[in-house]
């Protein structure tokens, strides 16, 4: 099968031209009908694009649900059929969102788009074709060979304090000098970039987009540039490098892994060239004993161990945590640990020994003892925890790991120290107002503050502000509204290397930008804006990302 964009794959599926049985195809239908619902081929393509962009992350690429409920015409035995909801019911959810964390799309999506989605969601979802090793290799491109790259920086800038900034809707990544606040480069990296990760050496940024495209950005040249790219899947969220350097072998920056949403698999690459090395499917039985086989078992997040040659791969629908040993990247071995459905994001505790991940549709946090390859604990928290990578704080209660929630206005503080109370919620902090909508929390070892956003809360007074909490007292000390000259939702805080500045994005509005606050005084220091700043979302400091500081 020739290389094809995800949206084109949808079109191929819609018109019933299968990769395997194209010789059996009959006349292409211009219109799909399901009862009273009619949708044209072109509308189906447009609806697929909108769904992929705005809905698939929570409801699944095939609309079978995960963080959000399934969106199937006839239901799935657990959630209501979209046909039963009808156009009016679907419109109400799309326009108004829900207190559990779904944003309101009225004013973001046009009236024509909303009306189209009320029909698109009442017909069967399209089926996407395979995307296998041969397809991945066709996308691999080395733009600057390793031999032609600089062996040392061609500038005197502080790479440790570089920020990679995602401009999601524009499909771009900006590299900003965190010392001078200068824009160094704006690079076209692919559709709806989701995250950035850094090489273990602190030289490269790797971006991955919702189209599965991985882009490798080199910071050594005078102007950062793209040196390689490849595509891991039709739809993806996660990428990570090998970080282990020890007696079992030196794998520092040798390999890279990317997790697929669609198809459900992970792919291992050479970290210096992005040459594809192996593909492993993640479909399998669910963790809960029902022996349900899950085909769409998406890789939600991946982190690299610093103590073992292992990646922690979190498979959403099955609730299985895979510990992938990359010592033989062409034939990787893995240990699968049953936990809870549906796994999402997570991060390390302060020791780097335990990994904590949200099973957000189960309202739980899962704890994995990575060196000993076993499940340590499952902790009940609030409604739909969404920690990002979480945050590590220390006070009189001990070492604590923190998560926020999509569905509830509180933060949960989990004790990680050995002894009494370990792996329990020892403190809950209420955030202002009602409802959830928290996406990210952030602190720094040198800071006395913990910052939380409310990006997906429907209340503008909440989603355009951030909350600051005192790490020692765990009391809310200030709510900071974004500057009036910007308009949009506040999202994703990131510290600089020194831990004395916090960068926040303002997006999904008429006037987007990046605001920088002094972490000690909580006063605004600077606004980064301009025509090149297009709806910024995630920001990743090179040093903090490389060293898992959060």
Protein backbone atom coordinates (compact mmCIF):
# COMPACT_ATOMS: atom_id res chain seq x y z
CA UNK A 1 0.00 0.00 0.00
CA UNK A 2 1.34 3.41 -0.93
CA UNK A 3 1.95 6.05 1.70
CA UNK A 4 -1.34 7.81 2.50
CA UNK A 5 -2.46 10.48 4.91
CA UNK A 6 -4.91 9.50 7.63
CA UNK A 7 -7.72 11.55 6.13
CA UNK A 8 -7.12 9.93 2.77
CA UNK A 9 -7.23 6.54 4.48
CA UNK A 10 -10.63 7.47 5.82
CA UNK A 11 -11.82 8.36 2.34
CA UNK A 12 -10.48 5.08 0.99
CA UNK A 13 -12.41 3.23 3.67
CA UNK A 14 -15.56 5.27 3.15
CA UNK A 15 -15.80 4.43 -0.53
CA UNK A 16 -15.12 0.76 0.27
CA UNK A 17 -11.84 0.44 -1.58
CA UNK A 18 -10.05 -2.03 0.68
CA UNK A 19 -6.30 -2.59 0.52
CA UNK A 20 -6.95 -6.33 0.42
CA UNK A 21 -9.96 -6.71 -1.81
CA UNK A 22 -9.97 -3.73 -4.14
CA UNK A 23 -10.56 -6.07 -7.05
CA UNK A 24 -14.01 -6.83 -5.61
CA UNK A 25 -15.14 -3.23 -5.34
CA UNK A 26 -18.36 -2.21 -7.00
CA UNK A 27 -19.63 1.19 -7.99
CA UNK A 28 -18.53 3.91 -5.58
CA UNK A 29 -21.49 5.39 -3.74
CA UNK A 30 -21.70 9.15 -3.54
CA UNK A 31 -23.95 9.09 -0.49
CA UNK A 32 -24.16 7.02 2.69
CA UNK A 33 -27.55 6.55 4.27
CA UNK A 34 -28.53 5.20 7.70
CA UNK A 35 -32.25 5.48 8.26
CA UNK A 36 -33.16 9.13 7.91
CA UNK A 37 -29.51 10.21 8.14
CA UNK A 38 -27.80 11.00 4.84
CA UNK A 39 -24.21 12.10 4.40
CA UNK A 40 -22.26 12.51 1.16
CA UNK A 41 -18.84 11.08 0.46
CA UNK A 42 -17.27 14.54 0.72
CA UNK A 43 -19.14 15.27 3.96
CA UNK A 44 -17.93 11.95 5.37
CA UNK A 45 -14.35 12.95 4.61
CA UNK A 46 -14.87 16.36 6.19
CA UNK A 47 -16.54 14.83 9.24
CA UNK A 48 -13.66 12.36 9.59
CA UNK A 49 -11.15 15.22 9.54
CA UNK A 50 -13.07 17.17 12.20
CA UNK A 51 -13.50 14.09 14.37
CA UNK A 52 -9.82 13.15 14.08
CA UNK A 53 -8.77 16.69 15.00
CA UNK A 54 -11.13 17.38 17.88
CA UNK A 55 -12.70 14.16 19.18
CA UNK A 56 -10.58 11.06 18.56
CA UNK A 57 -8.21 11.67 21.46
CA UNK A 58 -10.94 11.01 24.03
CA UNK A 59 -13.50 8.97 22.10
CA UNK A 60 -11.13 6.74 20.11
CA UNK A 61 -10.13 6.67 16.47
CA UNK A 62 -12.88 4.15 15.77
CA UNK A 63 -15.35 5.90 18.11
CA UNK A 64 -15.39 3.02 20.61
CA UNK A 65 -14.64 5.31 23.56
CA UNK A 66 -11.91 5.59 26.19
CA UNK A 67 -11.66 8.71 28.36
CA UNK A 68 -14.94 9.76 26.77
CA UNK A 69 -17.87 7.43 25.98
CA UNK A 70 -18.29 5.50 22.75
CA UNK A 71 -19.96 7.31 19.86
CA UNK A 72 -21.42 4.42 17.88
CA UNK A 73 -24.77 4.63 16.07
CA UNK A 74 -26.24 1.59 17.86
CA UNK A 75 -24.30 1.91 21.12
CA UNK A 76 -22.03 -0.73 22.61
CA UNK A 77 -24.07 -2.10 25.51
CA UNK A 78 -22.58 0.40 27.97
CA UNK A 79 -23.25 3.81 26.44
CA UNK A 80 -26.20 5.28 24.63
CA UNK A 81 -26.52 4.94 20.87
CA UNK A 82 -25.84 8.16 19.00
CA UNK A 83 -28.98 7.42 16.94
CA UNK A 84 -30.99 7.46 20.16
CA UNK A 85 -29.50 10.82 21.15
CA UNK A 86 -30.37 12.20 17.74
CA UNK A 87 -29.26 15.47 16.23
CA UNK A 88 -30.62 17.60 19.09
CA UNK A 89 -28.97 15.53 21.82
CA UNK A 90 -25.63 15.39 20.04
CA UNK A 91 -25.76 19.13 19.37
CA UNK A 92 -26.31 19.84 23.07
CA UNK A 93 -23.15 17.93 24.03
CA UNK A 94 -21.07 19.39 21.20
CA UNK A 95 -22.11 22.98 21.85
CA UNK A 96 -22.07 22.98 25.66
CA UNK A 97 -19.52 20.36 26.68
CA UNK A 98 -19.82 18.57 30.03
CA UNK A 99 -18.64 19.21 33.60
CA UNK A 100 -16.58 16.00 33.32
CA UNK A 101 -14.05 17.72 31.10
CA UNK A 102 -15.41 17.85 27.55
CA UNK A 103 -14.99 21.44 26.29
CA UNK A 104 -17.80 23.34 24.65
CA UNK A 105 -17.24 23.60 20.90
CA UNK A 106 -19.74 26.35 20.18
CA UNK A 107 -17.74 29.32 18.94
CA UNK A 108 -14.82 27.05 18.08
CA UNK A 109 -16.57 24.89 15.51
CA UNK A 110 -18.76 26.62 12.95
CA UNK A 111 -22.50 26.03 12.73
CA UNK A 112 -21.93 24.05 9.53
CA UNK A 113 -19.33 21.86 11.25
CA UNK A 114 -21.57 21.20 14.27
CA UNK A 115 -24.51 20.25 12.03
CA UNK A 116 -22.28 17.95 10.00
CA UNK A 117 -21.01 16.22 13.15
CA UNK A 118 -24.55 15.51 14.35
CA UNK A 119 -24.98 13.44 11.16
CA UNK A 120 -21.47 12.00 11.01
CA UNK A 121 -21.83 10.55 14.51
CA UNK A 122 -25.07 8.77 13.61
CA UNK A 123 -23.58 6.64 10.81
CA UNK A 124 -21.04 3.82 11.11
CA UNK A 125 -17.42 4.97 11.50
CA UNK A 126 -15.11 4.31 8.55
CA UNK A 127 -12.52 1.54 8.71
CA UNK A 128 -8.87 2.46 8.22
CA UNK A 129 -6.41 0.26 6.32
CA UNK A 130 -3.22 -1.23 7.84
CA UNK A 131 -0.04 0.75 8.35
CA UNK A 132 2.83 -1.70 8.64
CA UNK A 133 6.64 -1.75 8.49
CA UNK A 134 6.76 -1.38 4.71
CA UNK A 135 4.53 1.71 4.94
CA UNK A 136 6.63 3.17 7.77
CA UNK A 137 9.86 2.70 5.82
CA UNK A 138 8.38 4.55 2.83
CA UNK A 139 8.01 7.64 5.02
CA UNK A 140 11.55 7.61 6.45
CA UNK A 141 13.68 10.53 5.37
CA UNK A 142 17.17 11.56 6.55
CA UNK A 143 17.49 15.24 5.69
CA UNK A 144 20.92 15.85 7.25
CA UNK A 145 23.06 12.69 7.58
CA UNK A 146 24.77 12.16 10.93
CA UNK A 147 28.20 12.70 9.37
CA UNK A 148 27.14 16.15 8.14
CA UNK A 149 25.81 17.38 11.48
CA UNK A 150 27.90 19.64 13.76
CA UNK A 151 29.94 17.84 16.41
CA UNK A 152 29.52 20.77 18.80
CA UNK A 153 27.20 23.80 19.02
CA UNK A 154 27.78 26.46 16.36
CA UNK A 155 26.64 29.16 18.80
CA UNK A 156 27.16 30.27 22.39
CA UNK A 157 23.55 29.97 23.50
CA UNK A 158 22.42 27.98 26.54
CA UNK A 159 20.78 24.93 24.94
CA UNK A 160 19.75 23.63 28.38
CA UNK A 161 17.31 26.53 28.61
CA UNK A 162 15.88 26.23 25.10
CA UNK A 163 12.11 25.83 24.92
CA UNK A 164 10.36 23.78 22.28
CA UNK A 165 6.89 25.26 21.83
CA UNK A 166 4.08 23.41 20.07
CA UNK A 167 1.78 25.40 17.82
CA UNK A 168 -0.69 22.60 17.43
CA UNK A 169 -3.19 23.84 14.85
CA UNK A 170 -0.46 25.24 12.61
CA UNK A 171 1.49 21.97 12.70
CA UNK A 172 4.63 23.79 13.80
CA UNK A 173 7.22 23.81 16.57
CA UNK A 174 9.03 26.98 17.62
CA UNK A 175 12.44 26.89 19.31
CA UNK A 176 12.86 29.80 21.74
CA UNK A 177 15.96 30.82 23.68
CA UNK A 178 14.78 30.77 27.29
CA UNK A 179 17.52 33.18 28.39
CA UNK A 180 16.90 35.92 25.82
CA UNK A 181 13.29 35.02 24.85
CA UNK A 182 14.31 35.19 21.17
CA UNK A 183 12.62 33.09 18.53
CA UNK A 184 15.33 30.91 16.97
CA UNK A 185 13.27 28.91 14.49
CA UNK A 186 9.70 28.00 13.53
CA UNK A 187 9.64 24.57 11.91
CA UNK A 188 6.89 22.76 10.03
CA UNK A 189 6.57 19.44 11.84
CA UNK A 190 3.22 17.82 10.98
CA UNK A 191 -0.46 17.89 11.77
CA UNK A 192 -1.54 18.67 15.36
CA UNK A 193 1.75 18.11 17.16
CA UNK A 194 1.01 16.46 20.50
CA UNK A 195 4.24 16.38 22.52
CA UNK A 196 7.98 16.96 22.38
CA UNK A 197 10.60 14.77 23.96
CA UNK A 198 14.34 15.39 24.12
CA UNK A 199 17.37 13.24 23.48
CA UNK A 200 19.10 11.90 26.59
CA UNK A 201 22.11 14.06 25.69
CA UNK A 202 20.01 17.22 25.64
CA UNK A 203 20.71 18.04 21.99
CA UNK A 204 17.65 17.02 19.96
CA UNK A 205 13.94 17.69 20.24
CA UNK A 206 11.65 14.96 18.87
CA UNK A 207 8.09 15.98 18.04
CA UNK A 208 5.20 13.66 17.30
CA UNK A 209 1.95 14.79 15.74
CA UNK A 210 -1.55 13.41 15.69
CA UNK A 211 -0.73 12.22 12.16
CA UNK A 212 1.99 9.95 13.59
CA UNK A 213 4.80 11.99 12.08
CA UNK A 214 8.05 12.15 14.07
CA UNK A 215 10.35 15.11 13.45
CA UNK A 216 13.93 15.29 14.77
CA UNK A 217 15.16 18.83 15.48
CA UNK A 218 18.86 19.57 15.98
CA UNK A 219 19.78 22.48 18.29
CA UNK A 220 23.52 22.53 17.49
CA UNK A 221 23.36 24.57 14.24
CA UNK A 222 23.19 28.39 14.40
CA UNK A 223 19.54 28.02 13.42
CA UNK A 224 17.87 24.82 14.72
CA UNK A 225 16.76 22.60 11.86
CA UNK A 226 15.00 19.34 11.03
CA UNK A 227 17.49 16.54 10.36
CA UNK A 228 15.20 13.49 9.97
CA UNK A 229 11.57 12.49 9.91
CA UNK A 230 9.40 9.38 9.72
CA UNK A 231 5.80 8.38 10.27
CA UNK A 232 4.92 5.74 12.88
CA UNK A 233 1.16 5.41 12.35
CA UNK A 234 -1.96 7.21 11.14
CA UNK A 235 -2.60 8.61 14.63
CA UNK A 236 -0.21 8.88 17.58
CA UNK A 237 0.50 10.64 20.88
CA UNK A 238 3.79 9.44 22.34
CA UNK A 239 7.52 9.32 21.62
CA UNK A 240 10.53 8.69 23.86
CA UNK A 241 14.28 7.97 23.66
CA UNK A 242 16.45 5.37 25.40
CA UNK A 243 18.00 6.93 28.52
CA UNK A 244 19.76 4.02 30.21
CA UNK A 245 23.51 4.26 30.69
CA UNK A 246 24.95 1.63 33.01
CA UNK A 247 26.53 -1.79 33.53
CA UNK A 248 23.91 -3.59 31.41
CA UNK A 249 25.04 -1.61 28.38
CA UNK A 250 25.20 1.95 27.11
CA UNK A 251 21.96 2.72 25.30
CA UNK A 252 22.09 6.47 25.77
CA UNK A 253 20.30 8.02 22.79
CA UNK A 254 20.59 4.87 20.69
CA UNK A 255 16.90 4.09 20.21
CA UNK A 256 13.59 5.88 19.96
CA UNK A 257 10.08 4.50 20.44
CA UNK A 258 6.74 5.85 19.21
CA UNK A 259 3.31 4.61 20.22
CA UNK A 260 0.42 4.34 17.79
CA UNK A 261 -3.23 5.08 18.40
CA UNK A 262 -4.20 3.82 14.97
CA UNK A 263 -2.92 1.25 14.21
CA UNK A 264 -2.40 0.14 17.79
CA UNK A 265 1.30 -0.66 17.99
CA UNK A 266 4.67 0.69 18.99
CA UNK A 267 7.60 1.20 16.65
CA UNK A 268 11.29 1.26 17.59
CA UNK A 269 13.70 3.42 15.58
CA UNK A 270 17.37 4.30 15.47
CA UNK A 271 17.44 7.51 17.54
CA UNK A 272 20.10 9.20 15.39
CA UNK A 273 18.57 8.55 11.95
CA UNK A 274 14.94 7.48 12.68
CA UNK A 275 15.46 4.29 10.69
CA UNK A 276 12.54 1.94 11.59
CA UNK A 277 13.76 -1.22 13.34
CA UNK A 278 10.66 -3.10 14.55
CA UNK A 279 6.89 -2.94 14.97
CA UNK A 280 4.98 -4.58 17.83
CA UNK A 281 1.17 -4.76 17.97
CA UNK A 282 -0.45 -3.90 21.29
CA UNK A 283 -3.84 -5.52 20.69
CA UNK A 284 -4.68 -8.09 23.36
CA UNK A 285 -6.84 -9.12 26.27
CA UNK A 286 -8.03 -6.53 28.75
CA UNK A 287 -6.66 -6.48 32.29
CA UNK A 288 -9.94 -6.96 34.16
CA UNK A 289 -10.32 -10.72 33.87
CA UNK A 290 -13.15 -10.68 31.35
CA UNK A 291 -10.78 -11.93 28.64
CA UNK A 292 -12.13 -9.32 26.29
CA UNK A 293 -9.86 -9.07 23.26
CA UNK A 294 -9.27 -5.43 22.36
CA UNK A 295 -8.14 -4.69 18.81
CA UNK A 296 -7.92 -0.93 19.25
CA UNK A 297 -5.48 -1.00 22.18
CA UNK A 298 -3.86 2.40 21.81
CA UNK A 299 -0.49 3.45 23.23
CA UNK A 300 -1.34 6.43 25.40
CA UNK A 301 2.03 7.39 26.86
CA UNK A 302 5.63 6.23 27.13
CA UNK A 303 8.43 7.07 29.58
CA UNK A 304 12.05 5.93 29.72
CA UNK A 305 13.66 4.42 32.81
CA UNK A 306 16.99 5.86 33.92
CA UNK A 307 17.83 2.74 35.96
CA UNK A 308 17.14 -0.04 33.41
CA UNK A 309 17.09 -0.44 29.61
CA UNK A 310 13.30 -0.22 29.68
CA UNK A 311 10.49 1.89 28.30
CA UNK A 312 7.20 1.99 30.20
CA UNK A 313 4.48 1.72 27.56
CA UNK A 314 0.91 2.38 28.73
CA UNK A 315 -1.82 0.74 26.65
CA UNK A 316 -5.07 2.58 27.12
CA UNK A 317 -7.98 0.23 26.37
CA UNK A 318 -6.51 -2.96 27.83
CA UNK A 319 -5.13 -1.40 31.00
CA UNK A 320 -1.84 -3.21 30.46
CA UNK A 321 1.48 -1.57 31.36
CA UNK A 322 4.18 -2.95 29.06
CA UNK A 323 7.79 -2.81 30.26
CA UNK A 324 9.65 -2.98 26.96
CA UNK A 325 13.30 -4.08 27.09
CA UNK A 326 15.16 -2.42 24.21
CA UNK A 327 18.49 -4.25 24.49
CA UNK A 328 17.49 -6.05 21.27
CA UNK A 329 15.43 -3.41 19.45
CA UNK A 330 14.64 -5.62 16.46
CA UNK A 331 13.18 -8.30 18.72
CA UNK A 332 12.10 -6.44 21.86
CA UNK A 333 11.00 -8.43 24.90
CA UNK A 334 8.32 -7.12 27.21
CA UNK A 335 6.68 -7.76 30.55
CA UNK A 336 2.96 -6.99 30.60
CA UNK A 337 1.48 -5.89 33.91
CA UNK A 338 -2.34 -5.86 34.29
CA UNK A 339 -3.54 -2.70 36.04
CA UNK A 340 -6.74 -0.70 35.35
CA UNK A 341 -8.57 0.65 32.32
CA UNK A 342 -8.15 3.22 30.69
CA UNK A 343 -4.51 4.21 31.02
CA UNK A 344 -3.44 7.69 29.99
CA UNK A 345 -0.55 9.93 31.16
CA UNK A 346 1.81 9.65 34.08
CA UNK A 347 5.29 10.23 35.46
CA UNK A 348 8.00 9.16 37.91
CA UNK A 349 7.99 9.63 41.65
CA UNK A 350 10.88 11.59 43.17
CA UNK A 351 13.13 8.50 43.34
CA UNK A 352 12.66 7.46 39.70
CA UNK A 353 11.87 3.95 40.96
CA UNK A 354 8.08 4.05 40.71
CA UNK A 355 5.95 5.09 37.77
CA UNK A 356 2.48 6.51 38.45
CA UNK A 357 -0.10 6.64 35.65
CA UNK A 358 -3.75 7.66 35.47
CA UNK A 359 -6.41 5.14 34.55
CA UNK A 360 -8.68 8.09 34.03
CA UNK A 361 -11.95 6.41 33.03
CA UNK A 362 -11.55 4.21 36.12
CA UNK A 363 -10.82 7.13 38.47
CA UNK A 364 -7.60 5.48 39.60
CA UNK A 365 -3.84 6.01 39.71
CA UNK A 366 -1.73 2.93 38.99
CA UNK A 367 1.72 2.55 40.59
CA UNK A 368 4.33 0.31 38.94
CA UNK A 369 7.61 -0.80 40.53
CA UNK A 370 9.67 -0.63 37.34
CA UNK A 371 13.01 -2.19 38.40
CA UNK A 372 11.15 -5.16 39.96
CA UNK A 373 8.61 -5.29 37.11
CA UNK A 374 5.50 -5.55 39.22
CA UNK A 375 2.31 -3.73 40.09
CA UNK A 376 2.81 -1.83 43.34
CA UNK A 377 -0.60 -0.26 44.02
CA UNK A 378 -3.87 1.01 42.56
CA UNK A 379 -5.18 4.18 44.23
CA UNK A 380 -8.71 5.59 44.11
CA UNK A 381 -8.66 9.31 43.34
CA UNK A 382 -11.14 11.80 41.86
CA UNK A 383 -13.14 11.85 38.64
CA UNK A 384 -10.99 11.29 35.55
CA UNK A 385 -7.48 12.04 36.81
CA UNK A 386 -5.30 13.78 34.22
CA UNK A 387 -1.84 14.37 35.70
CA UNK A 388 0.17 14.97 32.55
CA UNK A 389 3.42 13.78 34.07
CA UNK A 390 2.21 14.77 37.52
CA UNK A 391 4.24 16.83 39.97
CA UNK A 392 6.59 15.90 42.81
CA UNK A 393 6.48 18.04 45.94
CA UNK A 394 7.96 17.66 49.42
CA UNK A 395 6.66 19.12 52.68
CA UNK A 396 5.86 18.01 56.24
CA UNK A 397 3.69 15.22 54.85
CA UNK A 398 6.72 13.78 53.05
CA UNK A 399 7.34 13.19 49.35
CA UNK A 400 4.09 13.57 47.43
CA UNK A 401 3.08 12.99 43.80
CA UNK A 402 0.18 15.09 42.57
CA UNK A 403 -2.57 14.67 40.01
CA UNK A 404 -5.38 16.94 38.90
CA UNK A 405 -8.69 15.84 37.37
CA UNK A 406 -10.72 16.42 34.25
CA UNK A 407 -14.03 15.76 35.99
CA UNK A 408 -13.65 17.37 39.39
CA UNK A 409 -12.18 20.57 40.84
CA UNK A 410 -9.53 19.09 43.11
CA UNK A 411 -5.93 17.97 43.24
CA UNK A 412 -4.98 14.69 44.94
CA UNK A 413 -1.66 14.41 46.80
CA UNK A 414 -0.35 10.82 47.04
CA UNK A 415 2.34 9.89 49.56
CA UNK A 416 5.24 8.03 47.90
CA UNK A 417 7.56 7.56 50.93
CA UNK A 418 7.88 4.07 52.37
CA UNK A 419 6.02 3.44 55.61
CA UNK A 420 2.61 4.38 56.94
CA UNK A 421 0.36 6.02 54.41
CA UNK A 422 2.41 5.10 51.36
CA UNK A 423 0.28 5.03 48.19
CA UNK A 424 -2.66 6.79 49.79
CA UNK A 425 -4.19 10.20 49.13
CA UNK A 426 -3.02 12.16 52.16
CA UNK A 427 -4.37 15.53 51.06
CA UNK A 428 -6.94 16.95 48.65
CA UNK A 429 -6.95 20.59 47.57
CA UNK A 430 -10.05 22.15 46.09
CA UNK A 431 -9.58 24.42 43.11
CA UNK A 432 -11.75 27.53 42.63
CA UNK A 433 -15.26 27.29 41.17
CA UNK A 434 -17.08 24.19 40.03
CA UNK A 435 -16.36 21.35 37.63
CA UNK A 436 -13.10 19.91 36.46
CA UNK A 437 -11.14 20.73 33.34
CA UNK A 438 -7.61 20.56 34.77
CA UNK A 439 -5.13 19.31 32.20
CA UNK A 440 -1.71 20.05 33.70
CA UNK A 441 0.02 20.77 36.98
CA UNK A 442 3.64 21.82 37.36
CA UNK A 443 6.26 22.57 39.98
CA UNK A 444 10.07 22.57 40.20
CA UNK A 445 12.51 21.40 42.92
CA UNK A 446 13.62 25.02 43.45
CA UNK A 447 10.09 26.41 43.64
CA UNK A 448 7.70 26.81 46.57
CA UNK A 449 4.71 26.86 44.20
CA UNK A 450 2.50 24.38 42.38
CA UNK A 451 0.61 25.67 39.33
CA UNK A 452 -2.63 24.23 37.89
CA UNK A 453 -4.66 25.12 34.81
CA UNK A 454 -8.41 24.57 34.14
CA UNK A 455 -8.21 24.48 30.36
CA UNK A 456 -11.27 22.33 29.69
CA UNK A 457 -13.63 23.95 32.17
CA UNK A 458 -16.53 25.63 30.31
CA UNK A 459 -16.42 28.68 32.61
CA UNK A 460 -14.30 31.37 30.93
CA UNK A 461 -13.28 32.87 34.26
CA UNK A 462 -11.70 29.52 35.12
CA UNK A 463 -10.26 28.34 31.80
CA UNK A 464 -8.56 31.68 31.16
CA UNK A 465 -6.77 31.62 34.53
CA UNK A 466 -4.33 29.47 36.51
CA UNK A 467 -4.24 28.61 40.20
CA UNK A 468 -1.11 28.81 42.35
CA UNK A 469 -0.74 26.64 45.47
CA UNK A 470 1.83 26.90 48.26
CA UNK A 471 3.85 23.66 48.29
CA UNK A 472 4.43 23.80 52.06
CA UNK A 473 0.92 24.61 53.29
CA UNK A 474 -0.97 23.15 50.27
CA UNK A 475 -3.26 26.16 50.30
CA UNK A 476 -4.45 28.10 47.25
CA UNK A 477 -2.65 31.43 47.42
CA UNK A 478 -3.58 33.11 44.14
CA UNK A 479 -5.65 32.82 40.97
CA UNK A 480 -3.94 34.54 38.06
CA UNK A 481 -5.99 35.73 35.11
CA UNK A 482 -4.22 35.87 31.79
CA UNK A 483 -3.37 39.37 30.48
CA UNK A 484 -6.26 41.24 28.84
CA UNK A 485 -4.32 41.76 25.62
CA UNK A 486 -4.55 38.02 25.02
CA UNK A 487 -7.71 36.02 24.57
CA UNK A 488 -8.14 32.27 25.03
CA UNK A 489 -7.60 29.39 27.40
CA UNK A 490 -4.57 29.04 29.66
CA UNK A 491 -2.80 25.71 29.25
CA UNK A 492 0.39 23.86 30.14
CA UNK A 493 2.80 25.50 32.53
CA UNK A 494 6.54 24.91 32.09
CA UNK A 495 9.45 26.11 34.23
CA UNK A 496 12.76 27.31 32.92
CA UNK A 497 15.89 25.39 33.95
CA UNK A 498 16.57 27.64 36.95
CA UNK A 499 13.05 27.14 38.31
CA UNK A 500 12.38 30.87 38.69
CA UNK A 501 10.10 31.43 35.67
CA UNK A 502 6.83 29.81 34.59
CA UNK A 503 5.74 29.87 30.94
CA UNK A 504 2.02 29.49 30.14
CA UNK A 505 0.28 29.25 26.77
CA UNK A 506 -2.90 31.11 25.88
CA UNK A 507 -4.69 29.42 22.97
CA UNK A 508 -8.13 28.69 21.43
CA UNK A 509 -8.96 32.37 21.29
CA UNK A 510 -8.66 35.40 19.03
CA UNK A 511 -5.28 36.55 20.39
CA UNK A 512 -2.89 33.81 21.46
CA UNK A 513 0.55 34.05 23.03
CA UNK A 514 2.95 32.83 25.71
CA UNK A 515 3.03 34.56 29.09
CA UNK A 516 5.99 34.35 31.45
CA UNK A 517 5.62 34.84 35.21
CA UNK A 518 8.20 35.33 37.95
CA UNK A 519 7.75 32.26 40.15
CA UNK A 520 8.77 34.07 43.33
CA UNK A 521 6.67 37.22 43.00
CA UNK A 522 3.94 35.72 40.75
CA UNK A 523 4.16 38.91 38.68
CA UNK A 524 3.99 38.99 34.89
CA UNK A 525 7.45 39.37 33.33
CA UNK A 526 6.87 39.16 29.59
CA UNK A 527 4.42 38.27 26.83
CA UNK A 528 5.67 36.55 23.71
CA UNK A 529 3.35 37.20 20.80
CA UNK A 530 3.39 38.02 17.11
CA UNK A 531 2.24 36.65 13.79
CA UNK A 532 4.51 33.64 14.20
CA UNK A 533 2.90 32.65 17.52
CA UNK A 534 -0.04 30.53 16.33
CA UNK A 535 -2.13 28.99 19.11
CA UNK A 536 0.73 27.68 21.29
CA UNK A 537 -0.01 24.71 23.54
CA UNK A 538 2.70 22.50 25.10
CA UNK A 539 6.11 23.94 26.00
CA UNK A 540 9.10 21.78 26.84
CA UNK A 541 12.28 23.06 28.47
CA UNK A 542 15.26 21.08 27.21
CA UNK A 543 16.88 20.46 30.61
CA UNK A 544 13.70 19.70 32.55
CA UNK A 545 12.35 17.35 29.88
CA UNK A 546 15.66 15.50 29.51
CA UNK A 547 15.95 14.98 33.26
CA UNK A 548 12.26 14.29 34.04
CA UNK A 549 11.90 17.29 36.31
CA UNK A 550 8.27 17.95 37.18
